[in-house]
């Protein structure tokens, strides 16, 4: 079992880097191009690194887009086992949950509660009709931007990078939100 605080070192990431990550299906409905566009807009910030963990139908296209723009602030990780995924989330500063416009009513991200239980702030572009958008507003654990606005997505990441008090506040709200779904509360 990998120690919880060994992931950055193992992934070759400096301990002082601000890590924003996405982990899951690298598919069409996630609209992950917004992450590549945001990384491009934040390329001047050598302190921020983007992690895309997982696999899926869009992985090759995302890697090609990263190479096309010569982005050195994006690291692709393969599928992560449970321990490695937890270690990555533990050393992540902000968790990204993008959704392609029009897909928000179709799915709710399965990794959300795990990220929240670790006290990580969320950045999303979920549409107002989506369950994720409603959850973020209800739980007050993240920043939401317009669905296709990569500039706002990048600005939200940069704001959280530069404002540790806000990041902590959102992370604490996320822990409280995730606690609503503990087995002790849900099973009875």
N, C-alpha and C. Protein backbone atom coordinates (compact mmCIF):
# COMPACT_ATOMS: atom_id res chain seq x y z
N UNK A 1 0.85 -1.19 0.00
CA UNK A 1 0.00 0.00 0.00
C UNK A 1 0.89 1.24 0.00
N UNK A 2 0.63 2.14 -0.95
CA UNK A 2 1.39 3.38 -1.07
C UNK A 2 1.03 4.32 0.08
N UNK A 3 2.04 4.95 0.71
CA UNK A 3 1.71 5.91 1.76
C UNK A 3 0.93 7.08 1.17
N UNK A 4 0.01 7.63 1.96
CA UNK A 4 -0.87 8.68 1.45
C UNK A 4 -0.11 9.90 0.95
N UNK A 5 1.02 10.23 1.54
CA UNK A 5 1.74 11.42 1.13
C UNK A 5 2.96 11.11 0.29
N UNK A 6 2.95 10.04 -0.48
CA UNK A 6 4.07 9.71 -1.34
C UNK A 6 3.77 9.86 -2.81
N UNK A 7 2.56 10.23 -3.15
CA UNK A 7 2.15 10.26 -4.55
C UNK A 7 2.91 11.30 -5.36
N UNK A 8 3.05 12.52 -4.88
CA UNK A 8 3.73 13.57 -5.65
C UNK A 8 5.16 13.14 -6.00
N UNK A 9 5.87 12.64 -5.02
CA UNK A 9 7.24 12.20 -5.24
C UNK A 9 7.28 11.09 -6.28
N UNK A 10 6.40 10.12 -6.13
CA UNK A 10 6.36 8.99 -7.05
C UNK A 10 6.01 9.44 -8.47
N UNK A 11 5.15 10.48 -8.59
CA UNK A 11 4.75 10.99 -9.90
C UNK A 11 5.75 11.99 -10.47
N UNK A 12 6.82 12.29 -9.71
CA UNK A 12 7.84 13.22 -10.18
C UNK A 12 7.43 14.67 -10.11
N UNK A 13 6.54 14.98 -9.18
CA UNK A 13 6.04 16.35 -9.01
C UNK A 13 6.66 16.96 -7.76
N UNK A 14 7.20 18.14 -7.92
CA UNK A 14 7.81 18.84 -6.80
C UNK A 14 6.78 19.09 -5.70
N UNK A 15 7.22 18.97 -4.46
CA UNK A 15 6.31 19.12 -3.30
C UNK A 15 5.67 20.52 -3.25
N UNK A 16 6.32 21.52 -3.85
CA UNK A 16 5.79 22.88 -3.77
C UNK A 16 4.81 23.22 -4.89
N UNK A 17 4.53 22.29 -5.78
CA UNK A 17 3.58 22.54 -6.87
C UNK A 17 2.15 22.51 -6.36
N UNK A 18 1.33 23.37 -6.93
CA UNK A 18 -0.10 23.40 -6.66
C UNK A 18 -0.74 22.45 -7.66
N UNK A 19 -1.39 21.41 -7.16
CA UNK A 19 -1.92 20.35 -8.01
C UNK A 19 -3.44 20.50 -8.17
N UNK A 20 -3.86 20.58 -9.43
CA UNK A 20 -5.28 20.51 -9.76
C UNK A 20 -5.46 19.22 -10.55
N UNK A 21 -6.43 18.43 -10.15
CA UNK A 21 -6.54 17.12 -10.79
C UNK A 21 -7.96 16.78 -11.20
N UNK A 22 -8.00 15.92 -12.19
CA UNK A 22 -9.23 15.25 -12.62
C UNK A 22 -8.89 13.78 -12.66
N UNK A 23 -9.80 12.96 -12.18
CA UNK A 23 -9.57 11.53 -12.20
C UNK A 23 -10.87 10.84 -12.57
N UNK A 24 -10.79 9.97 -13.56
CA UNK A 24 -11.99 9.25 -13.97
C UNK A 24 -11.95 8.93 -15.45
N UNK A 25 -13.14 8.87 -16.04
CA UNK A 25 -13.27 8.54 -17.44
C UNK A 25 -12.81 9.72 -18.29
N UNK A 26 -11.89 9.48 -19.20
CA UNK A 26 -11.44 10.50 -20.13
C UNK A 26 -12.27 10.35 -21.41
N UNK A 27 -13.56 10.59 -21.25
CA UNK A 27 -14.50 10.38 -22.33
C UNK A 27 -15.10 11.66 -22.86
N UNK A 28 -16.05 11.50 -23.75
CA UNK A 28 -16.67 12.62 -24.45
C UNK A 28 -17.53 13.47 -23.53
N UNK A 29 -18.37 12.84 -22.69
CA UNK A 29 -19.35 13.60 -21.90
C UNK A 29 -18.72 14.45 -20.80
N UNK A 30 -17.44 14.21 -20.49
CA UNK A 30 -16.77 14.99 -19.46
C UNK A 30 -16.34 16.37 -19.96
N UNK A 31 -16.19 16.55 -21.25
CA UNK A 31 -15.78 17.85 -21.78
C UNK A 31 -14.43 18.30 -21.26
N UNK A 32 -13.46 17.41 -21.28
CA UNK A 32 -12.16 17.66 -20.69
C UNK A 32 -11.29 18.64 -21.46
N UNK A 33 -11.72 19.04 -22.63
CA UNK A 33 -10.96 20.04 -23.39
C UNK A 33 -10.82 21.34 -22.59
N UNK A 34 -11.81 21.62 -21.73
CA UNK A 34 -11.74 22.84 -20.93
C UNK A 34 -10.55 22.82 -19.99
N UNK A 35 -10.12 21.63 -19.58
CA UNK A 35 -8.93 21.52 -18.73
C UNK A 35 -7.68 21.86 -19.54
N UNK A 36 -7.60 21.34 -20.75
CA UNK A 36 -6.45 21.63 -21.62
C UNK A 36 -6.40 23.13 -21.91
N UNK A 37 -7.55 23.72 -22.22
CA UNK A 37 -7.61 25.16 -22.50
C UNK A 37 -7.21 25.98 -21.26
N UNK A 38 -7.64 25.54 -20.09
CA UNK A 38 -7.29 26.23 -18.84
C UNK A 38 -5.80 26.11 -18.55
N UNK A 39 -5.25 24.94 -18.80
CA UNK A 39 -3.81 24.74 -18.60
C UNK A 39 -3.02 25.65 -19.54
N UNK A 40 -3.53 25.81 -20.75
CA UNK A 40 -2.87 26.71 -21.71
C UNK A 40 -2.91 28.15 -21.19
N UNK A 41 -4.05 28.57 -20.64
CA UNK A 41 -4.20 29.94 -20.13
C UNK A 41 -3.34 30.17 -18.88
N UNK A 42 -3.02 29.08 -18.16
CA UNK A 42 -2.22 29.19 -16.93
C UNK A 42 -0.79 28.70 -17.12
N UNK A 43 -0.36 28.57 -18.35
CA UNK A 43 1.00 28.08 -18.63
C UNK A 43 2.07 28.98 -18.02
N UNK A 44 1.76 30.25 -17.82
CA UNK A 44 2.71 31.19 -17.22
C UNK A 44 2.90 30.94 -15.72
N UNK A 45 2.01 30.16 -15.12
CA UNK A 45 2.09 29.86 -13.69
C UNK A 45 2.89 28.57 -13.49
N UNK A 46 4.17 28.69 -13.28
CA UNK A 46 5.02 27.50 -13.13
C UNK A 46 4.73 26.74 -11.84
N UNK A 47 3.94 27.34 -10.94
CA UNK A 47 3.61 26.69 -9.68
C UNK A 47 2.38 25.79 -9.76
N UNK A 48 1.66 25.81 -10.89
CA UNK A 48 0.44 25.02 -11.04
C UNK A 48 0.67 23.88 -12.01
N UNK A 49 0.27 22.67 -11.60
CA UNK A 49 0.35 21.51 -12.48
C UNK A 49 -1.03 20.84 -12.54
N UNK A 50 -1.41 20.43 -13.74
CA UNK A 50 -2.68 19.76 -13.99
C UNK A 50 -2.44 18.26 -14.13
N UNK A 51 -3.26 17.47 -13.46
CA UNK A 51 -3.17 16.02 -13.56
C UNK A 51 -4.46 15.50 -14.16
N UNK A 52 -4.34 14.68 -15.18
CA UNK A 52 -5.48 13.97 -15.75
C UNK A 52 -5.25 12.50 -15.53
N UNK A 53 -6.01 11.91 -14.63
CA UNK A 53 -5.85 10.50 -14.31
C UNK A 53 -7.00 9.69 -14.86
N UNK A 54 -6.68 8.58 -15.49
CA UNK A 54 -7.71 7.69 -16.00
C UNK A 54 -7.46 7.31 -17.43
N UNK A 55 -8.49 6.79 -18.06
CA UNK A 55 -8.41 6.35 -19.44
C UNK A 55 -9.79 6.54 -20.06
N UNK A 56 -9.84 6.49 -21.38
CA UNK A 56 -11.12 6.63 -22.05
C UNK A 56 -10.94 7.00 -23.51
N UNK A 57 -12.07 7.13 -24.19
CA UNK A 57 -12.09 7.33 -25.64
C UNK A 57 -11.43 8.63 -26.09
N UNK A 58 -11.33 9.63 -25.22
CA UNK A 58 -10.77 10.92 -25.60
C UNK A 58 -9.33 11.13 -25.15
N UNK A 59 -8.72 10.14 -24.51
CA UNK A 59 -7.38 10.30 -23.97
C UNK A 59 -6.37 10.67 -25.06
N UNK A 60 -6.38 9.97 -26.17
CA UNK A 60 -5.42 10.26 -27.25
C UNK A 60 -5.61 11.66 -27.80
N UNK A 61 -6.85 12.07 -27.97
CA UNK A 61 -7.14 13.42 -28.49
C UNK A 61 -6.67 14.49 -27.50
N UNK A 62 -6.86 14.24 -26.22
CA UNK A 62 -6.42 15.19 -25.20
C UNK A 62 -4.89 15.27 -25.15
N UNK A 63 -4.23 14.13 -25.28
CA UNK A 63 -2.77 14.12 -25.31
C UNK A 63 -2.26 14.84 -26.55
N UNK A 64 -2.93 14.66 -27.68
CA UNK A 64 -2.52 15.32 -28.92
C UNK A 64 -2.69 16.84 -28.79
N UNK A 65 -3.79 17.28 -28.17
CA UNK A 65 -4.03 18.70 -27.96
C UNK A 65 -2.97 19.29 -27.03
N UNK A 66 -2.60 18.53 -26.01
CA UNK A 66 -1.54 18.96 -25.09
C UNK A 66 -0.21 19.12 -25.83
N UNK A 67 0.11 18.17 -26.67
CA UNK A 67 1.35 18.24 -27.45
C UNK A 67 1.31 19.37 -28.47
N UNK A 68 0.15 19.55 -29.11
CA UNK A 68 0.00 20.62 -30.10
C UNK A 68 0.32 21.99 -29.49
N UNK A 69 -0.14 22.20 -28.27
CA UNK A 69 0.08 23.49 -27.60
C UNK A 69 1.37 23.49 -26.76
N UNK A 70 2.13 22.38 -26.83
CA UNK A 70 3.40 22.25 -26.12
C UNK A 70 3.26 22.58 -24.63
N UNK A 71 2.22 22.02 -24.03
CA UNK A 71 1.96 22.28 -22.61
C UNK A 71 2.79 21.34 -21.74
N UNK A 72 3.56 21.93 -20.87
CA UNK A 72 4.39 21.15 -19.95
C UNK A 72 3.78 21.10 -18.55
N UNK A 73 2.62 21.73 -18.37
CA UNK A 73 1.98 21.78 -17.05
C UNK A 73 0.85 20.77 -16.91
N UNK A 74 0.80 19.78 -17.82
CA UNK A 74 -0.21 18.72 -17.75
C UNK A 74 0.51 17.38 -17.68
N UNK A 75 0.08 16.56 -16.74
CA UNK A 75 0.61 15.20 -16.61
C UNK A 75 -0.56 14.23 -16.73
N UNK A 76 -0.42 13.27 -17.61
CA UNK A 76 -1.43 12.22 -17.75
C UNK A 76 -1.01 11.03 -16.91
N UNK A 77 -1.93 10.54 -16.11
CA UNK A 77 -1.74 9.31 -15.34
C UNK A 77 -2.67 8.26 -15.94
N UNK A 78 -2.29 7.02 -15.87
CA UNK A 78 -3.16 5.96 -16.36
C UNK A 78 -4.26 5.69 -15.35
N UNK A 79 -4.90 4.55 -15.53
CA UNK A 79 -5.90 4.13 -14.55
C UNK A 79 -5.22 3.96 -13.20
N UNK A 80 -5.86 4.42 -12.17
CA UNK A 80 -5.27 4.39 -10.83
C UNK A 80 -6.00 3.37 -9.97
N UNK A 81 -5.23 2.56 -9.26
CA UNK A 81 -5.87 1.66 -8.31
C UNK A 81 -6.38 2.50 -7.13
N UNK A 82 -7.17 1.92 -6.28
CA UNK A 82 -7.84 2.67 -5.21
C UNK A 82 -6.85 3.39 -4.28
N UNK A 83 -5.79 2.72 -3.89
CA UNK A 83 -4.81 3.34 -2.99
C UNK A 83 -4.10 4.52 -3.66
N UNK A 84 -3.70 4.35 -4.93
CA UNK A 84 -3.02 5.42 -5.65
C UNK A 84 -3.97 6.59 -5.90
N UNK A 85 -5.22 6.29 -6.21
CA UNK A 85 -6.21 7.34 -6.41
C UNK A 85 -6.40 8.15 -5.13
N UNK A 86 -6.51 7.48 -4.01
CA UNK A 86 -6.65 8.17 -2.72
C UNK A 86 -5.41 9.01 -2.43
N UNK A 87 -4.23 8.46 -2.72
CA UNK A 87 -2.99 9.21 -2.50
C UNK A 87 -2.94 10.45 -3.38
N UNK A 88 -3.38 10.32 -4.63
CA UNK A 88 -3.40 11.48 -5.52
C UNK A 88 -4.36 12.54 -4.99
N UNK A 89 -5.55 12.14 -4.60
CA UNK A 89 -6.52 13.11 -4.07
C UNK A 89 -6.00 13.77 -2.80
N UNK A 90 -5.30 13.02 -1.98
CA UNK A 90 -4.76 13.56 -0.74
C UNK A 90 -3.75 14.67 -1.01
N UNK A 91 -3.01 14.53 -2.10
CA UNK A 91 -2.00 15.54 -2.43
C UNK A 91 -2.46 16.50 -3.53
N UNK A 92 -3.74 16.47 -3.83
CA UNK A 92 -4.35 17.41 -4.77
C UNK A 92 -4.82 18.62 -3.98
N UNK A 93 -4.65 19.79 -4.55
CA UNK A 93 -5.12 21.02 -3.90
C UNK A 93 -6.55 21.36 -4.31
N UNK A 94 -6.87 21.14 -5.58
CA UNK A 94 -8.20 21.42 -6.11
C UNK A 94 -8.57 20.30 -7.06
N UNK A 95 -9.80 19.86 -6.97
CA UNK A 95 -10.30 18.79 -7.83
C UNK A 95 -11.21 19.39 -8.89
N UNK A 96 -10.97 19.07 -10.14
CA UNK A 96 -11.77 19.58 -11.26
C UNK A 96 -12.82 18.56 -11.66
N UNK A 97 -14.05 19.03 -11.83
CA UNK A 97 -15.12 18.17 -12.32
C UNK A 97 -15.82 18.89 -13.47
N UNK A 98 -15.25 18.79 -14.66
CA UNK A 98 -15.91 19.41 -15.81
C UNK A 98 -17.03 18.53 -16.34
N UNK A 99 -17.98 19.17 -17.00
CA UNK A 99 -19.05 18.44 -17.68
C UNK A 99 -19.30 19.12 -19.02
N UNK A 100 -19.41 18.31 -20.05
CA UNK A 100 -19.72 18.84 -21.38
C UNK A 100 -21.14 19.40 -21.35
N UNK A 101 -21.34 20.59 -21.91
CA UNK A 101 -22.70 21.15 -21.94
C UNK A 101 -23.70 20.16 -22.54
N UNK A 102 -24.82 20.01 -21.85
CA UNK A 102 -25.85 19.09 -22.29
C UNK A 102 -25.78 17.71 -21.67
N UNK A 103 -24.70 17.41 -20.94
CA UNK A 103 -24.56 16.06 -20.36
C UNK A 103 -24.84 16.01 -18.87
N UNK A 104 -24.99 17.17 -18.22
CA UNK A 104 -25.11 17.22 -16.77
C UNK A 104 -26.30 16.50 -16.19
N UNK A 105 -27.40 16.42 -16.95
CA UNK A 105 -28.58 15.73 -16.43
C UNK A 105 -28.42 14.22 -16.54
N UNK A 106 -27.39 13.78 -17.28
CA UNK A 106 -27.20 12.35 -17.55
C UNK A 106 -26.43 11.65 -16.44
N UNK A 107 -25.46 12.33 -15.83
CA UNK A 107 -24.63 11.64 -14.85
C UNK A 107 -24.24 12.54 -13.69
N UNK A 108 -23.90 11.90 -12.59
CA UNK A 108 -23.39 12.56 -11.40
C UNK A 108 -22.04 11.93 -11.10
N UNK A 109 -20.98 12.72 -10.92
CA UNK A 109 -19.63 12.16 -10.77
C UNK A 109 -19.48 11.26 -9.54
N UNK A 110 -19.03 10.05 -9.79
CA UNK A 110 -18.92 9.07 -8.72
C UNK A 110 -17.80 9.38 -7.74
N UNK A 111 -16.80 10.13 -8.16
CA UNK A 111 -15.65 10.41 -7.28
C UNK A 111 -15.87 11.64 -6.40
N UNK A 112 -16.99 12.34 -6.56
CA UNK A 112 -17.20 13.59 -5.86
C UNK A 112 -17.13 13.44 -4.34
N UNK A 113 -17.87 12.52 -3.78
CA UNK A 113 -17.91 12.40 -2.31
C UNK A 113 -16.54 12.05 -1.73
N UNK A 114 -15.77 11.25 -2.45
CA UNK A 114 -14.43 10.90 -1.97
C UNK A 114 -13.55 12.15 -1.93
N UNK A 115 -13.58 12.94 -3.01
CA UNK A 115 -12.79 14.17 -3.05
C UNK A 115 -13.22 15.12 -1.94
N UNK A 116 -14.53 15.23 -1.74
CA UNK A 116 -15.04 16.13 -0.70
C UNK A 116 -14.65 15.65 0.69
N UNK A 117 -14.70 14.35 0.92
CA UNK A 117 -14.37 13.82 2.25
C UNK A 117 -12.91 14.08 2.61
N UNK A 118 -12.07 14.31 1.60
CA UNK A 118 -10.67 14.64 1.83
C UNK A 118 -10.45 16.14 1.97
N UNK A 119 -11.52 16.92 1.90
CA UNK A 119 -11.43 18.36 2.11
C UNK A 119 -10.88 19.14 0.94
N UNK A 120 -11.18 18.70 -0.26
CA UNK A 120 -10.68 19.39 -1.44
C UNK A 120 -11.77 20.25 -2.06
N UNK A 121 -11.41 21.47 -2.40
CA UNK A 121 -12.33 22.37 -3.11
C UNK A 121 -12.51 21.85 -4.54
N UNK A 122 -13.65 22.19 -5.11
CA UNK A 122 -14.02 21.72 -6.45
C UNK A 122 -14.14 22.92 -7.39
N UNK A 123 -13.70 22.74 -8.64
CA UNK A 123 -13.99 23.69 -9.71
C UNK A 123 -14.78 22.93 -10.76
N UNK A 124 -15.91 23.50 -11.18
CA UNK A 124 -16.74 22.84 -12.17
C UNK A 124 -17.35 23.86 -13.12
N UNK A 125 -17.77 23.36 -14.26
CA UNK A 125 -18.50 24.16 -15.23
C UNK A 125 -19.87 23.54 -15.48
N UNK A 126 -20.41 22.86 -14.48
CA UNK A 126 -21.68 22.17 -14.60
C UNK A 126 -22.82 23.16 -14.87
N UNK A 127 -23.69 22.77 -15.78
CA UNK A 127 -24.85 23.60 -16.11
C UNK A 127 -25.82 23.69 -14.94
N UNK A 128 -26.57 24.75 -14.89
CA UNK A 128 -27.48 24.99 -13.77
C UNK A 128 -28.56 23.93 -13.64
N UNK A 129 -28.86 23.19 -14.70
CA UNK A 129 -29.88 22.13 -14.63
C UNK A 129 -29.32 20.81 -14.10
N UNK A 130 -28.02 20.75 -13.87
CA UNK A 130 -27.40 19.49 -13.47
C UNK A 130 -27.45 19.26 -11.96
N UNK A 131 -27.40 18.00 -11.59
CA UNK A 131 -27.34 17.62 -10.18
C UNK A 131 -26.07 18.12 -9.53
N UNK A 132 -24.98 18.10 -10.27
CA UNK A 132 -23.70 18.56 -9.73
C UNK A 132 -23.76 20.05 -9.40
N UNK A 133 -24.31 20.86 -10.29
CA UNK A 133 -24.45 22.29 -10.05
C UNK A 133 -25.26 22.53 -8.78
N UNK A 134 -26.38 21.83 -8.66
CA UNK A 134 -27.23 21.99 -7.47
C UNK A 134 -26.50 21.56 -6.20
N UNK A 135 -25.72 20.49 -6.29
CA UNK A 135 -24.97 20.00 -5.13
C UNK A 135 -23.91 21.02 -4.69
N UNK A 136 -23.19 21.60 -5.66
CA UNK A 136 -22.16 22.59 -5.33
C UNK A 136 -22.77 23.82 -4.68
N UNK A 137 -23.91 24.27 -5.20
CA UNK A 137 -24.58 25.42 -4.59
C UNK A 137 -25.08 25.08 -3.19
N UNK A 138 -25.69 23.91 -3.05
CA UNK A 138 -26.23 23.48 -1.76
C UNK A 138 -25.13 23.30 -0.72
N UNK A 139 -24.04 22.65 -1.12
CA UNK A 139 -22.96 22.35 -0.18
C UNK A 139 -21.93 23.45 -0.05
N UNK A 140 -21.94 24.41 -0.95
CA UNK A 140 -20.99 25.53 -0.94
C UNK A 140 -19.54 25.06 -0.84
N UNK A 141 -19.19 24.04 -1.63
CA UNK A 141 -17.86 23.44 -1.55
C UNK A 141 -17.01 23.68 -2.80
N UNK A 142 -17.49 24.52 -3.71
CA UNK A 142 -16.71 24.73 -4.91
C UNK A 142 -17.10 25.98 -5.66
N UNK A 143 -16.35 26.23 -6.73
CA UNK A 143 -16.60 27.35 -7.62
C UNK A 143 -17.16 26.80 -8.93
N UNK A 144 -18.21 27.45 -9.44
CA UNK A 144 -18.85 27.03 -10.69
C UNK A 144 -18.71 28.17 -11.69
N UNK A 145 -18.36 27.81 -12.91
CA UNK A 145 -18.25 28.78 -13.98
C UNK A 145 -19.20 28.37 -15.11
N UNK A 146 -19.37 29.26 -16.06
CA UNK A 146 -20.22 28.97 -17.22
C UNK A 146 -19.68 27.75 -17.98
N UNK A 147 -20.57 26.95 -18.54
CA UNK A 147 -20.18 25.68 -19.15
C UNK A 147 -19.05 25.72 -20.17
N UNK A 148 -18.98 26.70 -21.03
CA UNK A 148 -17.96 26.70 -22.09
C UNK A 148 -16.89 27.76 -21.88
N UNK A 149 -16.76 28.29 -20.68
CA UNK A 149 -15.86 29.42 -20.43
C UNK A 149 -14.54 28.95 -19.81
N UNK A 150 -13.58 28.63 -20.68
CA UNK A 150 -12.29 28.15 -20.18
C UNK A 150 -11.51 29.25 -19.47
N UNK A 151 -11.73 30.50 -19.84
CA UNK A 151 -11.06 31.61 -19.16
C UNK A 151 -11.53 31.69 -17.70
N UNK A 152 -12.83 31.54 -17.49
CA UNK A 152 -13.38 31.56 -16.13
C UNK A 152 -12.93 30.33 -15.35
N UNK A 153 -12.84 29.18 -16.02
CA UNK A 153 -12.39 27.95 -15.38
C UNK A 153 -10.96 28.14 -14.89
N UNK A 154 -10.11 28.69 -15.77
CA UNK A 154 -8.71 28.96 -15.40
C UNK A 154 -8.64 29.98 -14.27
N UNK A 155 -9.47 31.01 -14.33
CA UNK A 155 -9.48 32.05 -13.29
C UNK A 155 -9.90 31.47 -11.94
N UNK A 156 -10.85 30.54 -11.95
CA UNK A 156 -11.29 29.90 -10.70
C UNK A 156 -10.15 29.09 -10.09
N UNK A 157 -9.42 28.37 -10.93
CA UNK A 157 -8.27 27.59 -10.45
C UNK A 157 -7.22 28.53 -9.87
N UNK A 158 -6.92 29.60 -10.60
CA UNK A 158 -5.92 30.56 -10.14
C UNK A 158 -6.34 31.22 -8.84
N UNK A 159 -7.63 31.55 -8.72
CA UNK A 159 -8.15 32.17 -7.49
C UNK A 159 -7.93 31.22 -6.29
N UNK A 160 -8.24 29.95 -6.49
CA UNK A 160 -8.07 28.99 -5.39
C UNK A 160 -6.59 28.75 -5.09
N UNK A 161 -5.75 28.82 -6.10
CA UNK A 161 -4.31 28.68 -5.87
C UNK A 161 -3.81 29.81 -4.99
N UNK A 162 -4.30 31.02 -5.25
CA UNK A 162 -3.81 32.21 -4.57
C UNK A 162 -4.52 32.52 -3.26
N UNK A 163 -5.62 31.83 -2.96
CA UNK A 163 -6.43 32.13 -1.77
C UNK A 163 -6.60 30.87 -0.92
N UNK A 164 -5.62 30.60 -0.08
CA UNK A 164 -5.67 29.37 0.73
C UNK A 164 -6.83 29.39 1.72
N UNK A 165 -7.23 30.57 2.19
CA UNK A 165 -8.35 30.65 3.13
C UNK A 165 -9.65 30.21 2.45
N UNK A 166 -9.87 30.66 1.23
CA UNK A 166 -11.06 30.25 0.48
C UNK A 166 -11.01 28.75 0.20
N UNK A 167 -9.85 28.26 -0.20
CA UNK A 167 -9.68 26.83 -0.47
C UNK A 167 -10.02 26.01 0.77
N UNK A 168 -9.54 26.46 1.93
CA UNK A 168 -9.81 25.75 3.18
C UNK A 168 -11.30 25.79 3.52
N UNK A 169 -11.91 26.96 3.35
CA UNK A 169 -13.35 27.12 3.64
C UNK A 169 -14.18 26.18 2.77
N UNK A 170 -13.89 26.15 1.46
CA UNK A 170 -14.63 25.27 0.56
C UNK A 170 -14.36 23.80 0.89
N UNK A 171 -13.13 23.49 1.22
CA UNK A 171 -12.79 22.11 1.58
C UNK A 171 -13.52 21.65 2.83
N UNK A 172 -13.62 22.51 3.83
CA UNK A 172 -14.34 22.17 5.06
C UNK A 172 -15.83 21.99 4.78
N UNK A 173 -16.38 22.84 3.92
CA UNK A 173 -17.80 22.70 3.55
C UNK A 173 -18.01 21.37 2.83
N UNK A 174 -17.03 20.97 2.02
CA UNK A 174 -17.13 19.69 1.32
C UNK A 174 -17.13 18.51 2.25
N UNK A 175 -16.30 18.56 3.29
CA UNK A 175 -16.28 17.49 4.29
C UNK A 175 -17.65 17.38 4.95
N UNK A 176 -18.24 18.51 5.29
CA UNK A 176 -19.57 18.51 5.91
C UNK A 176 -20.63 17.96 4.95
N UNK A 177 -20.53 18.33 3.69
CA UNK A 177 -21.48 17.84 2.69
C UNK A 177 -21.35 16.33 2.53
N UNK A 178 -20.13 15.84 2.41
CA UNK A 178 -19.90 14.40 2.24
C UNK A 178 -20.41 13.61 3.44
N UNK A 179 -20.31 14.20 4.63
CA UNK A 179 -20.76 13.52 5.85
C UNK A 179 -22.26 13.22 5.82
N UNK A 180 -23.02 13.97 5.03
CA UNK A 180 -24.47 13.71 4.88
C UNK A 180 -24.71 12.32 4.33
N UNK A 181 -23.74 11.78 3.61
CA UNK A 181 -23.91 10.50 2.92
C UNK A 181 -23.12 9.38 3.58
N UNK A 182 -22.76 9.55 4.84
CA UNK A 182 -22.05 8.48 5.55
C UNK A 182 -22.99 7.29 5.73
N UNK A 183 -22.41 6.13 5.83
CA UNK A 183 -23.23 4.92 5.97
C UNK A 183 -24.09 4.97 7.23
N UNK A 184 -23.60 5.64 8.28
CA UNK A 184 -24.37 5.75 9.51
C UNK A 184 -25.64 6.58 9.32
N UNK A 185 -25.62 7.49 8.36
CA UNK A 185 -26.79 8.33 8.12
C UNK A 185 -27.67 7.76 7.01
N UNK A 186 -27.07 7.16 6.01
CA UNK A 186 -27.82 6.71 4.85
C UNK A 186 -28.50 5.36 5.08
N UNK A 187 -27.80 4.40 5.68
CA UNK A 187 -28.33 3.06 5.83
C UNK A 187 -29.60 2.98 6.71
N UNK A 188 -29.67 3.71 7.82
CA UNK A 188 -30.92 3.63 8.60
C UNK A 188 -32.12 4.10 7.81
